[in-house]
Amino acid sequence: KYVRKQTEEICLIAVAQNGHMLSCV
């Protein structure tokens, strides 16, 4: 939630652990 520069790799790691993190992508 606090990552300012989101890369696809960072996004994939986040949603793979918690699908609801998709709301922050």
mmCIF file of all heavy atoms, coordinates in Angstrom:
data_MODEL
# 
_entry.id   MODEL 
# 
loop_
_atom_site.group_PDB 
_atom_site.id 
_atom_site.type_symbol 
_atom_site.label_atom_id 
_atom_site.label_alt_id 
_atom_site.label_comp_id 
_atom_site.label_asym_id 
_atom_site.label_entity_id 
_atom_site.label_seq_id 
_atom_site.pdbx_PDB_ins_code 
_atom_site.Cartn_x 
_atom_site.Cartn_y 
_atom_site.Cartn_z 
_atom_site.occupancy 
_atom_site.B_iso_or_equiv 
_atom_site.pdbx_formal_charge 
_atom_site.auth_seq_id 
_atom_site.auth_comp_id 
_atom_site.auth_asym_id 
_atom_site.auth_atom_id 
_atom_site.pdbx_PDB_model_num 
ATOM 1   N N   . LYS A 1 1  ? 0.819   -1.219  0.000   1.00 0.00 ? 1  LYS A N   1 
ATOM 2   C CA  . LYS A 1 1  ? 0.000   0.000   0.000   1.00 0.00 ? 1  LYS A CA  1 
ATOM 3   C C   . LYS A 1 1  ? 0.852   1.268   0.000   1.00 0.00 ? 1  LYS A C   1 
ATOM 4   O O   . LYS A 1 1  ? 0.373   2.340   -0.369  1.00 0.00 ? 1  LYS A O   1 
ATOM 5   C CB  . LYS A 1 1  ? -0.923  0.006   1.230   1.00 0.00 ? 1  LYS A CB  1 
ATOM 6   C CG  . LYS A 1 1  ? -1.968  -1.100  1.216   1.00 0.00 ? 1  LYS A CG  1 
ATOM 7   C CD  . LYS A 1 1  ? -2.914  -0.995  2.392   1.00 0.00 ? 1  LYS A CD  1 
ATOM 8   C CE  . LYS A 1 1  ? -2.235  -1.354  3.686   1.00 0.00 ? 1  LYS A CE  1 
ATOM 9   N NZ  . LYS A 1 1  ? -3.194  -1.452  4.819   1.00 0.00 ? 1  LYS A NZ  1 
ATOM 10  N N   . TYR A 1 2  ? 2.114   1.141   0.417   1.00 0.00 ? 2  TYR A N   1 
ATOM 11  C CA  . TYR A 1 2  ? 2.977   2.324   0.536   1.00 0.00 ? 2  TYR A CA  1 
ATOM 12  C C   . TYR A 1 2  ? 4.048   2.396   -0.547  1.00 0.00 ? 2  TYR A C   1 
ATOM 13  O O   . TYR A 1 2  ? 4.919   3.263   -0.502  1.00 0.00 ? 2  TYR A O   1 
ATOM 14  C CB  . TYR A 1 2  ? 3.635   2.327   1.927   1.00 0.00 ? 2  TYR A CB  1 
ATOM 15  C CG  . TYR A 1 2  ? 2.633   2.195   3.047   1.00 0.00 ? 2  TYR A CG  1 
ATOM 16  C CD1 . TYR A 1 2  ? 2.446   0.980   3.700   1.00 0.00 ? 2  TYR A CD1 1 
ATOM 17  C CD2 . TYR A 1 2  ? 1.847   3.278   3.427   1.00 0.00 ? 2  TYR A CD2 1 
ATOM 18  C CE1 . TYR A 1 2  ? 1.512   0.853   4.724   1.00 0.00 ? 2  TYR A CE1 1 
ATOM 19  C CE2 . TYR A 1 2  ? 0.904   3.159   4.443   1.00 0.00 ? 2  TYR A CE2 1 
ATOM 20  C CZ  . TYR A 1 2  ? 0.745   1.943   5.086   1.00 0.00 ? 2  TYR A CZ  1 
ATOM 21  O OH  . TYR A 1 2  ? -0.188  1.813   6.084   1.00 0.00 ? 2  TYR A OH  1 
ATOM 22  N N   . VAL A 1 3  ? 3.970   1.487   -1.522  1.00 0.00 ? 3  VAL A N   1 
ATOM 23  C CA  . VAL A 1 3  ? 4.932   1.502   -2.632  1.00 0.00 ? 3  VAL A CA  1 
ATOM 24  C C   . VAL A 1 3  ? 4.501   2.563   -3.639  1.00 0.00 ? 3  VAL A C   1 
ATOM 25  O O   . VAL A 1 3  ? 3.390   2.522   -4.156  1.00 0.00 ? 3  VAL A O   1 
ATOM 26  C CB  . VAL A 1 3  ? 5.007   0.119   -3.321  1.00 0.00 ? 3  VAL A CB  1 
ATOM 27  C CG1 . VAL A 1 3  ? 5.914   0.187   -4.544  1.00 0.00 ? 3  VAL A CG1 1 
ATOM 28  C CG2 . VAL A 1 3  ? 5.512   -0.926  -2.340  1.00 0.00 ? 3  VAL A CG2 1 
ATOM 29  N N   . ARG A 1 4  ? 5.388   3.502   -3.916  1.00 0.00 ? 4  ARG A N   1 
ATOM 30  C CA  . ARG A 1 4  ? 5.029   4.597   -4.831  1.00 0.00 ? 4  ARG A CA  1 
ATOM 31  C C   . ARG A 1 4  ? 5.223   4.203   -6.293  1.00 0.00 ? 4  ARG A C   1 
ATOM 32  O O   . ARG A 1 4  ? 4.397   4.521   -7.133  1.00 0.00 ? 4  ARG A O   1 
ATOM 33  C CB  . ARG A 1 4  ? 5.872   5.840   -4.497  1.00 0.00 ? 4  ARG A CB  1 
ATOM 34  C CG  . ARG A 1 4  ? 5.496   6.500   -3.173  1.00 0.00 ? 4  ARG A CG  1 
ATOM 35  C CD  . ARG A 1 4  ? 6.163   7.844   -3.012  1.00 0.00 ? 4  ARG A CD  1 
ATOM 36  N NE  . ARG A 1 4  ? 7.595   7.711   -2.790  1.00 0.00 ? 4  ARG A NE  1 
ATOM 37  C CZ  . ARG A 1 4  ? 8.151   7.603   -1.578  1.00 0.00 ? 4  ARG A CZ  1 
ATOM 38  N NH1 . ARG A 1 4  ? 7.379   7.570   -0.506  1.00 0.00 ? 4  ARG A NH1 1 
ATOM 39  N NH2 . ARG A 1 4  ? 9.461   7.508   -1.438  1.00 0.00 ? 4  ARG A NH2 1 
ATOM 40  N N   . LYS A 1 5  ? 6.312   3.508   -6.597  1.00 0.00 ? 5  LYS A N   1 
ATOM 41  C CA  . LYS A 1 5  ? 6.579   3.097   -7.969  1.00 0.00 ? 5  LYS A CA  1 
ATOM 42  C C   . LYS A 1 5  ? 6.314   1.605   -8.095  1.00 0.00 ? 5  LYS A C   1 
ATOM 43  O O   . LYS A 1 5  ? 7.152   0.775   -7.751  1.00 0.00 ? 5  LYS A O   1 
ATOM 44  C CB  . LYS A 1 5  ? 8.027   3.423   -8.349  1.00 0.00 ? 5  LYS A CB  1 
ATOM 45  C CG  . LYS A 1 5  ? 8.328   3.193   -9.825  1.00 0.00 ? 5  LYS A CG  1 
ATOM 46  C CD  . LYS A 1 5  ? 9.752   3.586   -10.164 1.00 0.00 ? 5  LYS A CD  1 
ATOM 47  C CE  . LYS A 1 5  ? 10.057  3.347   -11.636 1.00 0.00 ? 5  LYS A CE  1 
ATOM 48  N NZ  . LYS A 1 5  ? 11.455  3.718   -11.985 1.00 0.00 ? 5  LYS A NZ  1 
ATOM 49  N N   . GLN A 1 6  ? 5.149   1.262   -8.609  1.00 0.00 ? 6  GLN A N   1 
ATOM 50  C CA  . GLN A 1 6  ? 4.747   -0.136  -8.705  1.00 0.00 ? 6  GLN A CA  1 
ATOM 51  C C   . GLN A 1 6  ? 5.222   -0.754  -10.029 1.00 0.00 ? 6  GLN A C   1 
ATOM 52  O O   . GLN A 1 6  ? 4.897   -0.260  -11.095 1.00 0.00 ? 6  GLN A O   1 
ATOM 53  C CB  . GLN A 1 6  ? 3.225   -0.262  -8.610  1.00 0.00 ? 6  GLN A CB  1 
ATOM 54  C CG  . GLN A 1 6  ? 2.639   0.224   -7.306  1.00 0.00 ? 6  GLN A CG  1 
ATOM 55  C CD  . GLN A 1 6  ? 1.129   0.075   -7.274  1.00 0.00 ? 6  GLN A CD  1 
ATOM 56  O OE1 . GLN A 1 6  ? 0.495   -0.312  -8.265  1.00 0.00 ? 6  GLN A OE1 1 
ATOM 57  N NE2 . GLN A 1 6  ? 0.526   0.401   -6.137  1.00 0.00 ? 6  GLN A NE2 1 
ATOM 58  N N   . THR A 1 7  ? 5.991   -1.840  -9.907  1.00 0.00 ? 7  THR A N   1 
ATOM 59  C CA  . THR A 1 7  ? 6.351   -2.615  -11.093 1.00 0.00 ? 7  THR A CA  1 
ATOM 60  C C   . THR A 1 7  ? 5.434   -3.838  -11.128 1.00 0.00 ? 7  THR A C   1 
ATOM 61  O O   . THR A 1 7  ? 4.806   -4.187  -10.128 1.00 0.00 ? 7  THR A O   1 
ATOM 62  C CB  . THR A 1 7  ? 7.817   -3.080  -11.030 1.00 0.00 ? 7  THR A CB  1 
ATOM 63  O OG1 . THR A 1 7  ? 7.972   -3.973  -9.915  1.00 0.00 ? 7  THR A OG1 1 
ATOM 64  C CG2 . THR A 1 7  ? 8.751   -1.900  -10.867 1.00 0.00 ? 7  THR A CG2 1 
ATOM 65  N N   . GLU A 1 8  ? 5.365   -4.488  -12.285 1.00 0.00 ? 8  GLU A N   1 
ATOM 66  C CA  . GLU A 1 8  ? 4.495   -5.660  -12.386 1.00 0.00 ? 8  GLU A CA  1 
ATOM 67  C C   . GLU A 1 8  ? 4.960   -6.768  -11.446 1.00 0.00 ? 8  GLU A C   1 
ATOM 68  O O   . GLU A 1 8  ? 4.136   -7.471  -10.850 1.00 0.00 ? 8  GLU A O   1 
ATOM 69  C CB  . GLU A 1 8  ? 4.453   -6.189  -13.825 1.00 0.00 ? 8  GLU A CB  1 
ATOM 70  C CG  . GLU A 1 8  ? 3.446   -7.319  -14.004 1.00 0.00 ? 8  GLU A CG  1 
ATOM 71  C CD  . GLU A 1 8  ? 3.230   -7.697  -15.458 1.00 0.00 ? 8  GLU A CD  1 
ATOM 72  O OE1 . GLU A 1 8  ? 4.175   -7.550  -16.240 1.00 0.00 ? 8  GLU A OE1 1 
ATOM 73  O OE2 . GLU A 1 8  ? 2.122   -8.132  -15.797 1.00 0.00 ? 8  GLU A OE2 1 
ATOM 74  N N   . GLU A 1 9  ? 6.269   -6.886  -11.269 1.00 0.00 ? 9  GLU A N   1 
ATOM 75  C CA  . GLU A 1 9  ? 6.796   -7.924  -10.373 1.00 0.00 ? 9  GLU A CA  1 
ATOM 76  C C   . GLU A 1 9  ? 6.348   -7.680  -8.938  1.00 0.00 ? 9  GLU A C   1 
ATOM 77  O O   . GLU A 1 9  ? 5.927   -8.617  -8.243  1.00 0.00 ? 9  GLU A O   1 
ATOM 78  C CB  . GLU A 1 9  ? 8.329   -7.954  -10.443 1.00 0.00 ? 9  GLU A CB  1 
ATOM 79  C CG  . GLU A 1 9  ? 8.936   -9.076  -9.614  1.00 0.00 ? 9  GLU A CG  1 
ATOM 80  C CD  . GLU A 1 9  ? 10.450  -9.111  -9.700  1.00 0.00 ? 9  GLU A CD  1 
ATOM 81  O OE1 . GLU A 1 9  ? 11.038  -8.223  -10.346 1.00 0.00 ? 9  GLU A OE1 1 
ATOM 82  O OE2 . GLU A 1 9  ? 11.056  -10.032 -9.088  1.00 0.00 ? 9  GLU A OE2 1 
ATOM 83  N N   . ILE A 1 10 ? 6.419   -6.437  -8.496  1.00 0.00 ? 10 ILE A N   1 
ATOM 84  C CA  . ILE A 1 10 ? 5.998   -6.103  -7.135  1.00 0.00 ? 10 ILE A CA  1 
ATOM 85  C C   . ILE A 1 10 ? 4.502   -6.356  -6.975  1.00 0.00 ? 10 ILE A C   1 
ATOM 86  O O   . ILE A 1 10 ? 4.049   -6.907  -5.957  1.00 0.00 ? 10 ILE A O   1 
ATOM 87  C CB  . ILE A 1 10 ? 6.330   -4.628  -6.805  1.00 0.00 ? 10 ILE A CB  1 
ATOM 88  C CG1 . ILE A 1 10 ? 7.851   -4.430  -6.762  1.00 0.00 ? 10 ILE A CG1 1 
ATOM 89  C CG2 . ILE A 1 10 ? 5.719   -4.219  -5.471  1.00 0.00 ? 10 ILE A CG2 1 
ATOM 90  C CD1 . ILE A 1 10 ? 8.288   -2.991  -6.594  1.00 0.00 ? 10 ILE A CD1 1 
ATOM 91  N N   . CYS A 1 11 ? 3.729   -5.975  -7.976  1.00 0.00 ? 11 CYS A N   1 
ATOM 92  C CA  . CYS A 1 11 ? 2.277   -6.186  -7.933  1.00 0.00 ? 11 CYS A CA  1 
ATOM 93  C C   . CYS A 1 11 ? 1.932   -7.668  -7.866  1.00 0.00 ? 11 CYS A C   1 
ATOM 94  O O   . CYS A 1 11 ? 1.038   -8.078  -7.108  1.00 0.00 ? 11 CYS A O   1 
ATOM 95  C CB  . CYS A 1 11 ? 1.609   -5.550  -9.151  1.00 0.00 ? 11 CYS A CB  1 
ATOM 96  S SG  . CYS A 1 11 ? 1.706   -3.745  -9.202  1.00 0.00 ? 11 CYS A SG  1 
ATOM 97  N N   . LEU A 1 12 ? 2.619   -8.479  -8.655  1.00 0.00 ? 12 LEU A N   1 
ATOM 98  C CA  . LEU A 1 12 ? 2.360   -9.915  -8.690  1.00 0.00 ? 12 LEU A CA  1 
ATOM 99  C C   . LEU A 1 12 ? 2.647   -10.559 -7.333  1.00 0.00 ? 12 LEU A C   1 
ATOM 100 O O   . LEU A 1 12 ? 1.893   -11.419 -6.865  1.00 0.00 ? 12 LEU A O   1 
ATOM 101 C CB  . LEU A 1 12 ? 3.193   -10.586 -9.780  1.00 0.00 ? 12 LEU A CB  1 
ATOM 102 C CG  . LEU A 1 12 ? 2.729   -10.344 -11.223 1.00 0.00 ? 12 LEU A CG  1 
ATOM 103 C CD1 . LEU A 1 12 ? 3.772   -10.847 -12.210 1.00 0.00 ? 12 LEU A CD1 1 
ATOM 104 C CD2 . LEU A 1 12 ? 1.384   -11.017 -11.487 1.00 0.00 ? 12 LEU A CD2 1 
ATOM 105 N N   . ILE A 1 13 ? 3.746   -10.145 -6.712  1.00 0.00 ? 13 ILE A N   1 
ATOM 106 C CA  . ILE A 1 13 ? 4.099   -10.688 -5.396  1.00 0.00 ? 13 ILE A CA  1 
ATOM 107 C C   . ILE A 1 13 ? 3.034   -10.317 -4.372  1.00 0.00 ? 13 ILE A C   1 
ATOM 108 O O   . ILE A 1 13 ? 2.625   -11.134 -3.536  1.00 0.00 ? 13 ILE A O   1 
ATOM 109 C CB  . ILE A 1 13 ? 5.476   -10.174 -4.951  1.00 0.00 ? 13 ILE A CB  1 
ATOM 110 C CG1 . ILE A 1 13 ? 6.579   -10.776 -5.836  1.00 0.00 ? 13 ILE A CG1 1 
ATOM 111 C CG2 . ILE A 1 13 ? 5.741   -10.506 -3.487  1.00 0.00 ? 13 ILE A CG2 1 
ATOM 112 C CD1 . ILE A 1 13 ? 7.951   -10.200 -5.581  1.00 0.00 ? 13 ILE A CD1 1 
ATOM 113 N N   . ALA A 1 14 ? 2.553   -9.079  -4.435  1.00 0.00 ? 14 ALA A N   1 
ATOM 114 C CA  . ALA A 1 14 ? 1.562   -8.599  -3.464  1.00 0.00 ? 14 ALA A CA  1 
ATOM 115 C C   . ALA A 1 14 ? 0.241   -9.350  -3.590  1.00 0.00 ? 14 ALA A C   1 
ATOM 116 O O   . ALA A 1 14 ? -0.298  -9.855  -2.598  1.00 0.00 ? 14 ALA A O   1 
ATOM 117 C CB  . ALA A 1 14 ? 1.346   -7.104  -3.644  1.00 0.00 ? 14 ALA A CB  1 
ATOM 118 N N   . VAL A 1 15 ? -0.293  -9.439  -4.802  1.00 0.00 ? 15 VAL A N   1 
ATOM 119 C CA  . VAL A 1 15 ? -1.609  -10.080 -4.984  1.00 0.00 ? 15 VAL A CA  1 
ATOM 120 C C   . VAL A 1 15 ? -1.542  -11.603 -4.855  1.00 0.00 ? 15 VAL A C   1 
ATOM 121 O O   . VAL A 1 15 ? -2.547  -12.247 -4.564  1.00 0.00 ? 15 VAL A O   1 
ATOM 122 C CB  . VAL A 1 15 ? -2.242  -9.687  -6.337  1.00 0.00 ? 15 VAL A CB  1 
ATOM 123 C CG1 . VAL A 1 15 ? -2.445  -8.187  -6.419  1.00 0.00 ? 15 VAL A CG1 1 
ATOM 124 C CG2 . VAL A 1 15 ? -1.405  -10.178 -7.517  1.00 0.00 ? 15 VAL A CG2 1 
ATOM 125 N N   . ALA A 1 16 ? -0.358  -12.170 -5.059  1.00 0.00 ? 16 ALA A N   1 
ATOM 126 C CA  . ALA A 1 16 ? -0.202  -13.619 -4.894  1.00 0.00 ? 16 ALA A CA  1 
ATOM 127 C C   . ALA A 1 16 ? -0.347  -14.011 -3.427  1.00 0.00 ? 16 ALA A C   1 
ATOM 128 O O   . ALA A 1 16 ? -0.756  -15.128 -3.110  1.00 0.00 ? 16 ALA A O   1 
ATOM 129 C CB  . ALA A 1 16 ? 1.149   -14.075 -5.421  1.00 0.00 ? 16 ALA A CB  1 
ATOM 130 N N   . GLN A 1 17 ? -0.019  -13.087 -2.538  1.00 0.00 ? 17 GLN A N   1 
ATOM 131 C CA  . GLN A 1 17 ? -0.129  -13.348 -1.105  1.00 0.00 ? 17 GLN A CA  1 
ATOM 132 C C   . GLN A 1 17 ? -1.464  -12.888 -0.531  1.00 0.00 ? 17 GLN A C   1 
ATOM 133 O O   . GLN A 1 17 ? -1.954  -13.447 0.439   1.00 0.00 ? 17 GLN A O   1 
ATOM 134 C CB  . GLN A 1 17 ? 1.019   -12.653 -0.359  1.00 0.00 ? 17 GLN A CB  1 
ATOM 135 C CG  . GLN A 1 17 ? 2.388   -13.164 -0.759  1.00 0.00 ? 17 GLN A CG  1 
ATOM 136 C CD  . GLN A 1 17 ? 3.481   -12.483 0.016   1.00 0.00 ? 17 GLN A CD  1 
ATOM 137 O OE1 . GLN A 1 17 ? 3.832   -12.877 1.118   1.00 0.00 ? 17 GLN A OE1 1 
ATOM 138 N NE2 . GLN A 1 17 ? 4.023   -11.416 -0.544  1.00 0.00 ? 17 GLN A NE2 1 
ATOM 139 N N   . ASN A 1 18 ? -2.015  -11.856 -1.134  1.00 0.00 ? 18 ASN A N   1 
ATOM 140 C CA  . ASN A 1 18 ? -3.303  -11.326 -0.679  1.00 0.00 ? 18 ASN A CA  1 
ATOM 141 C C   . ASN A 1 18 ? -4.032  -10.747 -1.888  1.00 0.00 ? 18 ASN A C   1 
ATOM 142 O O   . ASN A 1 18 ? -3.699  -9.669  -2.360  1.00 0.00 ? 18 ASN A O   1 
ATOM 143 C CB  . ASN A 1 18 ? -3.091  -10.249 0.391   1.00 0.00 ? 18 ASN A CB  1 
ATOM 144 C CG  . ASN A 1 18 ? -4.390  -9.709  0.953   1.00 0.00 ? 18 ASN A CG  1 
ATOM 145 O OD1 . ASN A 1 18 ? -5.479  -9.994  0.442   1.00 0.00 ? 18 ASN A OD1 1 
ATOM 146 N ND2 . ASN A 1 18 ? -4.308  -8.920  2.012   1.00 0.00 ? 18 ASN A ND2 1 
ATOM 147 N N   . GLY A 1 19 ? -5.031  -11.483 -2.376  1.00 0.00 ? 19 GLY A N   1 
ATOM 148 C CA  . GLY A 1 19 ? -5.745  -11.060 -3.575  1.00 0.00 ? 19 GLY A CA  1 
ATOM 149 C C   . GLY A 1 19 ? -6.387  -9.690  -3.455  1.00 0.00 ? 19 GLY A C   1 
ATOM 150 O O   . GLY A 1 19 ? -6.533  -8.974  -4.446  1.00 0.00 ? 19 GLY A O   1 
ATOM 151 N N   . HIS A 1 20 ? -6.755  -9.300  -2.236  1.00 0.00 ? 20 HIS A N   1 
ATOM 152 C CA  . HIS A 1 20 ? -7.412  -8.006  -2.040  1.00 0.00 ? 20 HIS A CA  1 
ATOM 153 C C   . HIS A 1 20 ? -6.463  -6.824  -2.233  1.00 0.00 ? 20 HIS A C   1 
ATOM 154 O O   . HIS A 1 20 ? -6.921  -5.673  -2.305  1.00 0.00 ? 20 HIS A O   1 
ATOM 155 C CB  . HIS A 1 20 ? -8.056  -7.947  -0.656  1.00 0.00 ? 20 HIS A CB  1 
ATOM 156 C CG  . HIS A 1 20 ? -9.267  -8.822  -0.531  1.00 0.00 ? 20 HIS A CG  1 
ATOM 157 N ND1 . HIS A 1 20 ? -10.428 -8.569  -1.221  1.00 0.00 ? 20 HIS A ND1 1 
ATOM 158 C CD2 . HIS A 1 20 ? -9.492  -9.953  0.177   1.00 0.00 ? 20 HIS A CD2 1 
ATOM 159 C CE1 . HIS A 1 20 ? -11.325 -9.497  -0.932  1.00 0.00 ? 20 HIS A CE1 1 
ATOM 160 N NE2 . HIS A 1 20 ? -10.786 -10.351 -0.097  1.00 0.00 ? 20 HIS A NE2 1 
ATOM 161 N N   . MET A 1 21 ? -5.154  -7.093  -2.298  1.00 0.00 ? 21 MET A N   1 
ATOM 162 C CA  . MET A 1 21 ? -4.195  -6.026  -2.587  1.00 0.00 ? 21 MET A CA  1 
ATOM 163 C C   . MET A 1 21 ? -4.388  -5.483  -3.998  1.00 0.00 ? 21 MET A C   1 
ATOM 164 O O   . MET A 1 21 ? -3.827  -4.451  -4.361  1.00 0.00 ? 21 MET A O   1 
ATOM 165 C CB  . MET A 1 21 ? -2.762  -6.541  -2.415  1.00 0.00 ? 21 MET A CB  1 
ATOM 166 C CG  . MET A 1 21 ? -2.291  -6.659  -0.980  1.00 0.00 ? 21 MET A CG  1 
ATOM 167 S SD  . MET A 1 21 ? -2.127  -5.059  -0.146  1.00 0.00 ? 21 MET A SD  1 
ATOM 168 C CE  . MET A 1 21 ? -3.517  -5.112  0.955   1.00 0.00 ? 21 MET A CE  1 
ATOM 169 N N   . LEU A 1 22 ? -5.216  -6.167  -4.792  1.00 0.00 ? 22 LEU A N   1 
ATOM 170 C CA  . LEU A 1 22 ? -5.515  -5.694  -6.148  1.00 0.00 ? 22 LEU A CA  1 
ATOM 171 C C   . LEU A 1 22 ? -6.148  -4.310  -6.107  1.00 0.00 ? 22 LEU A C   1 
ATOM 172 O O   . LEU A 1 22 ? -6.025  -3.535  -7.063  1.00 0.00 ? 22 LEU A O   1 
ATOM 173 C CB  . LEU A 1 22 ? -6.459  -6.684  -6.847  1.00 0.00 ? 22 LEU A CB  1 
ATOM 174 C CG  . LEU A 1 22 ? -6.750  -6.432  -8.328  1.00 0.00 ? 22 LEU A CG  1 
ATOM 175 C CD1 . LEU A 1 22 ? -5.474  -6.538  -9.150  1.00 0.00 ? 22 LEU A CD1 1 
ATOM 176 C CD2 . LEU A 1 22 ? -7.789  -7.426  -8.852  1.00 0.00 ? 22 LEU A CD2 1 
ATOM 177 N N   . SER A 1 23 ? -6.799  -3.984  -5.019  1.00 0.00 ? 23 SER A N   1 
ATOM 178 C CA  . SER A 1 23 ? -7.429  -2.671  -4.881  1.00 0.00 ? 23 SER A CA  1 
ATOM 179 C C   . SER A 1 23 ? -6.395  -1.544  -4.834  1.00 0.00 ? 23 SER A C   1 
ATOM 180 O O   . SER A 1 23 ? -6.725  -0.380  -5.068  1.00 0.00 ? 23 SER A O   1 
ATOM 181 C CB  . SER A 1 23 ? -8.282  -2.622  -3.612  1.00 0.00 ? 23 SER A CB  1 
ATOM 182 O OG  . SER A 1 23 ? -7.474  -2.814  -2.455  1.00 0.00 ? 23 SER A OG  1 
ATOM 183 N N   . CYS A 1 24 ? -5.135  -1.878  -4.548  1.00 0.00 ? 24 CYS A N   1 
ATOM 184 C CA  . CYS A 1 24 ? -4.069  -0.870  -4.464  1.00 0.00 ? 24 CYS A CA  1 
ATOM 185 C C   . CYS A 1 24 ? -3.229  -0.787  -5.736  1.00 0.00 ? 24 CYS A C   1 
ATOM 186 O O   . CYS A 1 24 ? -2.340  0.068   -5.831  1.00 0.00 ? 24 CYS A O   1 
ATOM 187 C CB  . CYS A 1 24 ? -3.162  -1.174  -3.271  1.00 0.00 ? 24 CYS A CB  1 
ATOM 188 S SG  . CYS A 1 24 ? -3.993  -1.238  -1.679  1.00 0.00 ? 24 CYS A SG  1 
ATOM 189 N N   . VAL A 1 25 ? -3.493  -1.667  -6.682  1.00 0.00 ? 25 VAL A N   1 
ATOM 190 C CA  . VAL A 1 25 ? -2.718  -1.682  -7.932  1.00 0.00 ? 25 VAL A CA  1 
ATOM 191 C C   . VAL A 1 25 ? -3.144  -0.517  -8.815  1.00 0.00 ? 25 VAL A C   1 
ATOM 192 O O   . VAL A 1 25 ? -4.325  -0.334  -9.092  1.00 0.00 ? 25 VAL A O   1 
ATOM 193 C CB  . VAL A 1 25 ? -2.919  -3.024  -8.679  1.00 0.00 ? 25 VAL A CB  1 
ATOM 194 C CG1 . VAL A 1 25 ? -2.212  -2.991  -10.035 1.00 0.00 ? 25 VAL A CG1 1 
ATOM 195 C CG2 . VAL A 1 25 ? -2.405  -4.179  -7.839  1.00 0.00 ? 25 VAL A CG2 1 
# 
